[in-house]
PDB file of N, CA and C in Angstrom:
ATOM      1  N   MET A   1       0.829  -1.178  -0.013  1.00  0.00           N
ATOM      2  CA  MET A   1       0.021  -0.032  -0.011  1.00  0.00           C
ATOM      3  C   MET A   1       0.864   1.226  -0.044  1.00  0.00           C
ATOM      4  N   GLN A   2       0.519   2.221  -0.791  1.00  0.00           N
ATOM      5  CA  GLN A   2       1.287   3.457  -0.858  1.00  0.00           C
ATOM      6  C   GLN A   2       0.652   4.507  -0.014  1.00  0.00           C
ATOM      7  N   MET A   3       1.478   5.353   0.609  1.00  0.00           N
ATOM      8  CA  MET A   3       0.984   6.401   1.479  1.00  0.00           C
ATOM      9  C   MET A   3       1.146   7.747   0.698  1.00  0.00           C
ATOM     10  N   LYS A   4       0.143   8.594   0.915  1.00  0.00           N
ATOM     11  CA  LYS A   4       0.224  10.011   0.431  1.00  0.00           C
ATOM     12  C   LYS A   4       0.055  10.872   1.678  1.00  0.00           C
ATOM     13  N   LEU A   5       0.940  11.865   1.808  1.00  0.00           N
ATOM     14  CA  LEU A   5       0.862  12.734   2.968  1.00  0.00           C
ATOM     15  C   LEU A   5       0.986  14.186   2.547  1.00  0.00           C
ATOM     16  N   ASN A   6       0.063  15.004   2.928  1.00  0.00           N
ATOM     17  CA  ASN A   6       0.126  16.399   2.635  1.00  0.00           C
ATOM     18  C   ASN A   6       0.694  17.069   3.902  1.00  0.00           C
ATOM     19  N   VAL A   7       1.891  17.621   3.764  1.00  0.00           N
ATOM     20  CA  VAL A   7       2.570  18.191   4.956  1.00  0.00           C
ATOM     21  C   VAL A   7       1.948  19.385   5.535  1.00  0.00           C
ATOM     22  N   LYS A   8       1.164  20.075   4.796  1.00  0.00           N
ATOM     23  CA  LYS A   8       0.514  21.283   5.292  1.00  0.00           C
ATOM     24  C   LYS A   8      -0.535  20.966   6.399  1.00  0.00           C
ATOM     25  N   ASP A   9      -0.926  19.732   6.483  1.00  0.00           N
ATOM     26  CA  ASP A   9      -1.928  19.327   7.510  1.00  0.00           C
ATOM     27  C   ASP A   9      -1.329  19.016   8.850  1.00  0.00           C
ATOM     28  N   TYR A  10       0.012  18.961   8.971  1.00  0.00           N
ATOM     29  CA  TYR A  10       0.659  18.510  10.215  1.00  0.00           C
ATOM     30  C   TYR A  10       1.818  19.417  10.567  1.00  0.00           C
ATOM     31  N   THR A  11       2.208  19.364  11.820  1.00  0.00           N
ATOM     32  CA  THR A  11       3.469  20.013  12.227  1.00  0.00           C
ATOM     33  C   THR A  11       4.617  19.180  11.654  1.00  0.00           C
ATOM     34  N   ARG A  12       5.787  19.749  11.696  1.00  0.00           N
ATOM     35  CA  ARG A  12       6.968  19.008  11.223  1.00  0.00           C
ATOM     36  C   ARG A  12       7.157  17.719  11.998  1.00  0.00           C
ATOM     37  N   GLY A  13       7.066  17.815  13.350  1.00  0.00           N
ATOM     38  CA  GLY A  13       7.220  16.613  14.140  1.00  0.00           C
ATOM     39  C   GLY A  13       6.156  15.561  13.935  1.00  0.00           C
ATOM     40  N   GLU A  14       4.930  16.011  13.756  1.00  0.00           N
ATOM     41  CA  GLU A  14       3.829  15.057  13.472  1.00  0.00           C
ATOM     42  C   GLU A  14       4.083  14.350  12.157  1.00  0.00           C
ATOM     43  N   THR A  15       4.585  15.091  11.122  1.00  0.00           N
ATOM     44  CA  THR A  15       4.862  14.494   9.838  1.00  0.00           C
ATOM     45  C   THR A  15       5.799  13.339   9.931  1.00  0.00           C
ATOM     46  N   ILE A  16       6.904  13.517  10.599  1.00  0.00           N
ATOM     47  CA  ILE A  16       7.883  12.415  10.778  1.00  0.00           C
ATOM     48  C   ILE A  16       7.319  11.273  11.552  1.00  0.00           C
ATOM     49  N   LYS A  17       6.575  11.568  12.637  1.00  0.00           N
ATOM     50  CA  LYS A  17       6.045  10.510  13.445  1.00  0.00           C
ATOM     51  C   LYS A  17       4.975   9.718  12.718  1.00  0.00           C
ATOM     52  N   ILE A  18       4.172  10.370  11.960  1.00  0.00           N
ATOM     53  CA  ILE A  18       3.124   9.676  11.197  1.00  0.00           C
ATOM     54  C   ILE A  18       3.752   8.726  10.138  1.00  0.00           C
ATOM     55  N   ILE A  19       4.775   9.223   9.475  1.00  0.00           N
ATOM     56  CA  ILE A  19       5.432   8.397   8.503  1.00  0.00           C
ATOM     57  C   ILE A  19       6.102   7.195   9.165  1.00  0.00           C
ATOM     58  N   ARG A  20       6.806   7.471  10.252  1.00  0.00           N
ATOM     59  CA  ARG A  20       7.491   6.408  10.980  1.00  0.00           C
ATOM     60  C   ARG A  20       6.521   5.341  11.410  1.00  0.00           C
ATOM     61  N   GLU A  21       5.447   5.772  12.024  1.00  0.00           N
ATOM     62  CA  GLU A  21       4.427   4.799  12.555  1.00  0.00           C
ATOM     63  C   GLU A  21       3.783   4.034  11.391  1.00  0.00           C
ATOM     64  N   TRP A  22       3.600   4.691  10.260  1.00  0.00           N
ATOM     65  CA  TRP A  22       3.031   3.968   9.065  1.00  0.00           C
ATOM     66  C   TRP A  22       3.951   2.865   8.627  1.00  0.00           C
ATOM     67  N   THR A  23       5.281   3.106   8.726  1.00  0.00           N
ATOM     68  CA  THR A  23       6.254   2.107   8.311  1.00  0.00           C
ATOM     69  C   THR A  23       6.391   0.980   9.347  1.00  0.00           C
ATOM     70  N   THR A  24       5.803   1.140  10.509  1.00  0.00           N
ATOM     71  CA  THR A  24       5.816   0.239  11.655  1.00  0.00           C
ATOM     72  C   THR A  24       7.241  -0.031  12.131  1.00  0.00           C
ATOM     73  N   LEU A  25       8.137   0.948  11.971  1.00  0.00           N
ATOM     74  CA  LEU A  25       9.469   0.818  12.426  1.00  0.00           C
ATOM     75  C   LEU A  25       9.681   1.584  13.775  1.00  0.00           C
ATOM     76  N   THR A  26      10.626   1.149  14.542  1.00  0.00           N
ATOM     77  CA  THR A  26      10.996   1.884  15.758  1.00  0.00           C
ATOM     78  C   THR A  26      11.761   3.115  15.323  1.00  0.00           C
ATOM     79  N   GLN A  27      11.992   4.006  16.247  1.00  0.00           N
ATOM     80  CA  GLN A  27      12.762   5.204  15.908  1.00  0.00           C
ATOM     81  C   GLN A  27      14.164   4.830  15.495  1.00  0.00           C
ATOM     82  N   LYS A  28      14.745   3.810  16.152  1.00  0.00           N
ATOM     83  CA  LYS A  28      16.102   3.368  15.792  1.00  0.00           C
ATOM     84  C   LYS A  28      16.119   2.767  14.373  1.00  0.00           C
ATOM     85  N   GLU A  29      15.137   1.904  14.100  1.00  0.00           N
ATOM     86  CA  GLU A  29      15.083   1.282  12.757  1.00  0.00           C
ATOM     87  C   GLU A  29      14.901   2.322  11.636  1.00  0.00           C
ATOM     88  N   PHE A  30      13.976   3.220  11.937  1.00  0.00           N
ATOM     89  CA  PHE A  30      13.675   4.294  10.946  1.00  0.00           C
ATOM     90  C   PHE A  30      14.900   5.172  10.688  1.00  0.00           C
ATOM     91  N   ALA A  31      15.574   5.501  11.778  1.00  0.00           N
ATOM     92  CA  ALA A  31      16.838   6.361  11.686  1.00  0.00           C
ATOM     93  C   ALA A  31      17.859   5.603  10.860  1.00  0.00           C
ATOM     94  N   GLN A  32      18.041   4.343  11.048  1.00  0.00           N
ATOM     95  CA  GLN A  32      19.027   3.571  10.306  1.00  0.00           C
ATOM     96  C   GLN A  32      18.700   3.560   8.805  1.00  0.00           C
ATOM     97  N   ARG A  33      17.384   3.436   8.486  1.00  0.00           N
ATOM     98  CA  ARG A  33      17.020   3.385   7.070  1.00  0.00           C
ATOM     99  C   ARG A  33      17.262   4.678   6.354  1.00  0.00           C
ATOM    100  N   ILE A  34      17.191   5.820   7.085  1.00  0.00           N
ATOM    101  CA  ILE A  34      17.407   7.137   6.360  1.00  0.00           C
ATOM    102  C   ILE A  34      18.780   7.737   6.734  1.00  0.00           C
ATOM    103  N   GLY A  35      19.641   7.006   7.381  1.00  0.00           N
ATOM    104  CA  GLY A  35      20.948   7.495   7.710  1.00  0.00           C
ATOM    105  C   GLY A  35      21.090   8.569   8.777  1.00  0.00           C
ATOM    106  N   LYS A  36      20.182   8.471   9.786  1.00  0.00           N
ATOM    107  CA  LYS A  36      20.182   9.412  10.888  1.00  0.00           C
ATOM    108  C   LYS A  36      20.295   8.644  12.172  1.00  0.00           C
ATOM    109  N   SER A  37      20.572   9.340  13.249  1.00  0.00           N
ATOM    110  CA  SER A  37      20.575   8.719  14.623  1.00  0.00           C
ATOM    111  C   SER A  37      19.192   8.626  15.180  1.00  0.00           C
ATOM    112  N   LYS A  38      19.034   7.705  16.138  1.00  0.00           N
ATOM    113  CA  LYS A  38      17.780   7.589  16.840  1.00  0.00           C
ATOM    114  C   LYS A  38      17.455   8.897  17.557  1.00  0.00           C
ATOM    115  N   ARG A  39      18.481   9.564  18.142  1.00  0.00           N
ATOM    116  CA  ARG A  39      18.256  10.794  18.831  1.00  0.00           C
ATOM    117  C   ARG A  39      17.750  11.893  17.923  1.00  0.00           C
ATOM    118  N   THR A  40      18.246  11.912  16.685  1.00  0.00           N
ATOM    119  CA  THR A  40      17.769  12.901  15.713  1.00  0.00           C
ATOM    120  C   THR A  40      16.321  12.629  15.386  1.00  0.00           C
ATOM    121  N   ILE A  41      15.886  11.394  15.240  1.00  0.00           N
ATOM    122  CA  ILE A  41      14.510  11.097  14.948  1.00  0.00           C
ATOM    123  C   ILE A  41      13.636  11.516  16.196  1.00  0.00           C
ATOM    124  N   GLU A  42      14.121  11.278  17.408  1.00  0.00           N
ATOM    125  CA  GLU A  42      13.373  11.713  18.591  1.00  0.00           C
ATOM    126  C   GLU A  42      13.237  13.209  18.575  1.00  0.00           C
ATOM    127  N   GLN A  43      14.257  13.969  18.177  1.00  0.00           N
ATOM    128  CA  GLN A  43      14.190  15.423  18.152  1.00  0.00           C
ATOM    129  C   GLN A  43      13.251  15.918  17.017  1.00  0.00           C
ATOM    130  N   TYR A  44      13.278  15.282  15.899  1.00  0.00           N
ATOM    131  CA  TYR A  44      12.380  15.595  14.809  1.00  0.00           C
ATOM    132  C   TYR A  44      10.922  15.456  15.284  1.00  0.00           C
ATOM    133  N   GLU A  45      10.633  14.278  15.892  1.00  0.00           N
ATOM    134  CA  GLU A  45       9.255  14.009  16.337  1.00  0.00           C
ATOM    135  C   GLU A  45       8.816  14.952  17.435  1.00  0.00           C
ATOM    136  N   ALA A  46       9.752  15.374  18.305  1.00  0.00           N
ATOM    137  CA  ALA A  46       9.364  16.281  19.412  1.00  0.00           C
ATOM    138  C   ALA A  46       9.278  17.732  18.916  1.00  0.00           C
ATOM    139  N   GLY A  47       9.733  17.960  17.726  1.00  0.00           N
ATOM    140  CA  GLY A  47       9.698  19.327  17.171  1.00  0.00           C
ATOM    141  C   GLY A  47      10.797  20.221  17.725  1.00  0.00           C
ATOM    142  N   THR A  48      11.872  19.635  18.320  1.00  0.00           N
ATOM    143  CA  THR A  48      12.923  20.451  18.866  1.00  0.00           C
ATOM    144  C   THR A  48      14.013  20.682  17.903  1.00  0.00           C
ATOM    145  N   VAL A  49      14.093  19.875  16.805  1.00  0.00           N
ATOM    146  CA  VAL A  49      15.014  20.068  15.695  1.00  0.00           C
ATOM    147  C   VAL A  49      14.276  19.995  14.413  1.00  0.00           C
ATOM    148  N   ASN A  50      14.525  20.956  13.541  1.00  0.00           N
ATOM    149  CA  ASN A  50      13.903  20.991  12.252  1.00  0.00           C
ATOM    150  C   ASN A  50      14.738  20.253  11.235  1.00  0.00           C
ATOM    151  N   TYR A  51      14.090  19.791  10.206  1.00  0.00           N
ATOM    152  CA  TYR A  51      14.793  19.072   9.156  1.00  0.00           C
ATOM    153  C   TYR A  51      14.483  19.762   7.781  1.00  0.00           C
ATOM    154  N   GLY A  52      15.352  19.536   6.852  1.00  0.00           N
ATOM    155  CA  GLY A  52      15.164  20.165   5.573  1.00  0.00           C
ATOM    156  C   GLY A  52      14.394  19.246   4.570  1.00  0.00           C
ATOM    157  N   ILE A  53      14.170  19.834   3.420  1.00  0.00           N
ATOM    158  CA  ILE A  53      13.425  19.063   2.435  1.00  0.00           C
ATOM    159  C   ILE A  53      14.219  17.843   1.939  1.00  0.00           C
ATOM    160  N   ASP A  54      15.516  17.874   2.089  1.00  0.00           N
ATOM    161  CA  ASP A  54      16.328  16.760   1.727  1.00  0.00           C
ATOM    162  C   ASP A  54      15.959  15.510   2.537  1.00  0.00           C
ATOM    163  N   VAL A  55      15.617  15.716   3.828  1.00  0.00           N
ATOM    164  CA  VAL A  55      15.236  14.556   4.670  1.00  0.00           C
ATOM    165  C   VAL A  55      13.897  13.989   4.148  1.00  0.00           C
ATOM    166  N   LEU A  56      12.952  14.840   3.805  1.00  0.00           N
ATOM    167  CA  LEU A  56      11.661  14.348   3.329  1.00  0.00           C
ATOM    168  C   LEU A  56      11.859  13.642   1.934  1.00  0.00           C
ATOM    169  N   LYS A  57      12.720  14.144   1.154  1.00  0.00           N
ATOM    170  CA  LYS A  57      12.996  13.532  -0.166  1.00  0.00           C
ATOM    171  C   LYS A  57      13.594  12.136   0.038  1.00  0.00           C
ATOM    172  N   LYS A  58      14.496  11.998   0.964  1.00  0.00           N
ATOM    173  CA  LYS A  58      15.125  10.684   1.287  1.00  0.00           C
ATOM    174  C   LYS A  58      14.073   9.723   1.841  1.00  0.00           C
ATOM    175  N   ILE A  59      13.219  10.204   2.719  1.00  0.00           N
ATOM    176  CA  ILE A  59      12.158   9.367   3.286  1.00  0.00           C
ATOM    177  C   ILE A  59      11.198   8.925   2.195  1.00  0.00           C
ATOM    178  N   SER A  60      10.813   9.900   1.321  1.00  0.00           N
ATOM    179  CA  SER A  60       9.847   9.592   0.206  1.00  0.00           C
ATOM    180  C   SER A  60      10.448   8.510  -0.655  1.00  0.00           C
ATOM    181  N   LYS A  61      11.708   8.574  -0.991  1.00  0.00           N
ATOM    182  CA  LYS A  61      12.337   7.609  -1.875  1.00  0.00           C
ATOM    183  C   LYS A  61      12.448   6.214  -1.123  1.00  0.00           C
ATOM    184  N   GLU A  62      12.931   6.239   0.057  1.00  0.00           N
ATOM    185  CA  GLU A  62      13.180   5.032   0.834  1.00  0.00           C
ATOM    186  C   GLU A  62      11.892   4.193   1.065  1.00  0.00           C
ATOM    187  N   PHE A  63      10.829   4.917   1.306  1.00  0.00           N
ATOM    188  CA  PHE A  63       9.582   4.252   1.678  1.00  0.00           C
ATOM    189  C   PHE A  63       8.456   4.334   0.669  1.00  0.00           C
ATOM    190  N   ASN A  64       8.766   4.890  -0.553  1.00  0.00           N
ATOM    191  CA  ASN A  64       7.806   4.938  -1.643  1.00  0.00           C
ATOM    192  C   ASN A  64       6.554   5.701  -1.170  1.00  0.00           C
ATOM    193  N   ILE A  65       6.808   6.897  -0.639  1.00  0.00           N
ATOM    194  CA  ILE A  65       5.694   7.747  -0.075  1.00  0.00           C
ATOM    195  C   ILE A  65       5.589   9.012  -0.960  1.00  0.00           C
ATOM    196  N   ASP A  66       4.392   9.354  -1.376  1.00  0.00           N
ATOM    197  CA  ASP A  66       4.165  10.641  -2.042  1.00  0.00           C
ATOM    198  C   ASP A  66       3.965  11.730  -0.928  1.00  0.00           C
ATOM    199  N   ILE A  67       4.912  12.629  -0.887  1.00  0.00           N
ATOM    200  CA  ILE A  67       4.799  13.722   0.082  1.00  0.00           C
ATOM    201  C   ILE A  67       4.408  14.987  -0.706  1.00  0.00           C
ATOM    202  N   ILE A  68       3.266  15.533  -0.328  1.00  0.00           N
ATOM    203  CA  ILE A  68       2.713  16.687  -1.066  1.00  0.00           C
ATOM    204  C   ILE A  68       2.998  17.976  -0.317  1.00  0.00           C
ATOM    205  N   PHE A  69       3.456  18.936  -1.075  1.00  0.00           N
ATOM    206  CA  PHE A  69       3.753  20.300  -0.514  1.00  0.00           C
ATOM    207  C   PHE A  69       2.776  21.285  -1.127  1.00  0.00           C
ATOM    208  N   GLU A  70       2.061  22.000  -0.282  1.00  0.00           N
ATOM    209  CA  GLU A  70       1.142  23.008  -0.721  1.00  0.00           C
ATOM    210  C   GLU A  70       1.303  24.205   0.237  1.00  0.00           C
ATOM    211  N   LYS A  71       1.046  25.413  -0.281  1.00  0.00           N
ATOM    212  CA  LYS A  71       1.042  26.582   0.562  1.00  0.00           C
ATOM    213  C   LYS A  71      -0.244  26.517   1.411  1.00  0.00           C
ATOM    214  N   LYS A  72      -0.180  26.975   2.655  1.00  0.00           N
ATOM    215  CA  LYS A  72      -1.343  27.031   3.482  1.00  0.00           C
ATOM    216  C   LYS A  72      -2.237  28.147   3.090  1.00  0.00           C
TER     217      LYS A  72
END
């Protein structure tokens, strides 16, 4: 099943958490798949660290997810 996610509907932290939970991976497993540390994923999900579009592009490619960007 393919996922489509419109990032305008969620905070940055929610976006990462929703994708990770959809993949059914732990934070550690998810981090390994995208080349980040578990701590970085924790910070993304908590909203204490922002990520760039490059992270979303990597996630999109790794998990075959359509990530939609629209202006609010």
